[in-house]
Amino acid sequence: MYIHLGNDIVISTRRVIAIVNIEEPISPDLKEIIEIAEIEKKLVAVSYQDKKKSMIITDDQIYLSPISSNTLYKRANNEYKEG
């Protein structure tokens, strides 16, 4: 299965480790994860505006998406079946 993260970015659900809500207030631990991913060049901002609602942690990157974690979870379980 695949999941659409927004702005034409689609990833395989096999790569997803976690989908985390990052709407304000963001915990210090999540801020640190984002900062480390940015330093290591593993951070992908799906939306370049300040509309970040969820963080998708995969086996090799971290994505910041403008789509809510609930919606992404539903998409991961319903859409884009691999064939």
Protein backbone atom coordinates (compact mmCIF):
# COMPACT_ATOMS: atom_id res chain seq x y z
CA MET A 1 0.00 0.00 0.00
CA TYR A 2 1.00 3.61 -0.49
CA ILE A 3 0.25 6.78 1.40
CA HIS A 4 -0.03 10.28 -0.08
CA LEU A 5 1.65 12.82 2.22
CA GLY A 6 0.70 15.93 0.23
CA ASN A 7 2.27 17.94 -2.62
CA ASP A 8 2.71 14.91 -4.91
CA ILE A 9 4.75 12.93 -2.38
CA VAL A 10 3.72 9.29 -2.08
CA ILE A 11 5.60 6.67 -0.05
CA SER A 12 5.17 2.97 0.59
CA THR A 13 3.51 2.14 3.89
CA ARG A 14 6.17 -0.57 4.31
CA ARG A 15 8.67 2.21 5.04
CA VAL A 16 6.56 3.91 7.72
CA ILE A 17 7.64 3.45 11.32
CA ALA A 18 5.38 6.08 12.92
CA ILE A 19 2.92 8.86 12.15
CA VAL A 20 3.02 11.51 14.88
CA ASN A 21 0.86 14.57 15.50
CA ILE A 22 3.03 17.71 15.68
CA GLU A 23 0.45 20.44 15.97
CA GLU A 24 1.26 23.07 18.61
CA PRO A 25 2.52 22.76 21.23
CA ILE A 26 5.34 20.54 19.98
CA SER A 27 7.20 18.64 22.70
CA PRO A 28 10.93 19.30 23.17
CA ASP A 29 11.64 15.67 22.23
CA LEU A 30 9.89 16.01 18.86
CA LYS A 31 11.67 19.32 18.22
CA GLU A 32 14.98 17.58 18.86
CA ILE A 33 14.12 14.74 16.45
CA ILE A 34 13.27 17.30 13.76
CA GLU A 35 16.49 19.26 14.38
CA ILE A 36 18.66 16.12 14.19
CA ALA A 37 16.95 14.98 10.98
CA GLU A 38 17.55 18.42 9.47
CA ILE A 39 21.24 18.37 10.42
CA GLU A 40 21.61 14.86 8.95
CA LYS A 41 19.80 15.97 5.77
CA LYS A 42 17.05 13.41 6.34
CA LEU A 43 14.20 15.89 6.79
CA VAL A 44 11.68 16.39 3.99
CA ALA A 45 9.24 19.28 4.37
CA VAL A 46 6.23 18.28 2.27
CA SER A 47 4.81 21.80 2.62
CA TYR A 48 7.17 24.74 2.69
CA GLN A 49 4.63 26.86 4.51
CA ASP A 50 4.18 26.71 8.28
CA LYS A 51 1.33 24.22 7.91
CA LYS A 52 2.97 21.21 9.50
CA LYS A 53 0.48 18.93 11.23
CA SER A 54 2.20 15.55 11.27
CA MET A 55 5.60 13.90 11.23
CA ILE A 56 6.06 10.64 9.35
CA ILE A 57 9.09 8.67 10.48
CA THR A 58 10.34 6.16 7.90
CA ASP A 59 13.27 3.80 7.76
CA ASP A 60 15.49 6.45 6.17
CA GLN A 61 13.79 9.88 6.34
CA ILE A 62 11.43 12.07 8.31
CA TYR A 63 8.63 13.89 6.51
CA LEU A 64 6.71 16.90 7.81
CA SER A 65 3.23 16.95 6.28
CA PRO A 66 0.42 19.51 6.23
CA ILE A 67 -2.06 16.62 6.51
CA SER A 68 -3.28 15.56 9.96
CA SER A 69 -1.98 12.35 11.50
CA ASN A 70 -5.53 10.95 11.67
CA THR A 71 -6.07 11.46 7.94
CA LEU A 72 -2.69 9.92 7.09
CA TYR A 73 -3.47 6.91 9.27
CA LYS A 74 -6.76 6.41 7.44
CA ARG A 75 -5.02 6.76 4.07
CA ALA A 76 -2.39 4.23 5.08
CA ASN A 77 -5.09 1.69 5.81
CA ASN A 78 -7.36 2.36 2.82
CA GLU A 79 -5.72 3.78 -0.29
CA TYR A 80 -3.26 2.98 -3.05
CA LYS A 81 -3.12 -0.82 -2.79
CA GLU A 82 0.06 -2.32 -4.23
CA GLY A 83 -0.68 -4.65 -7.07
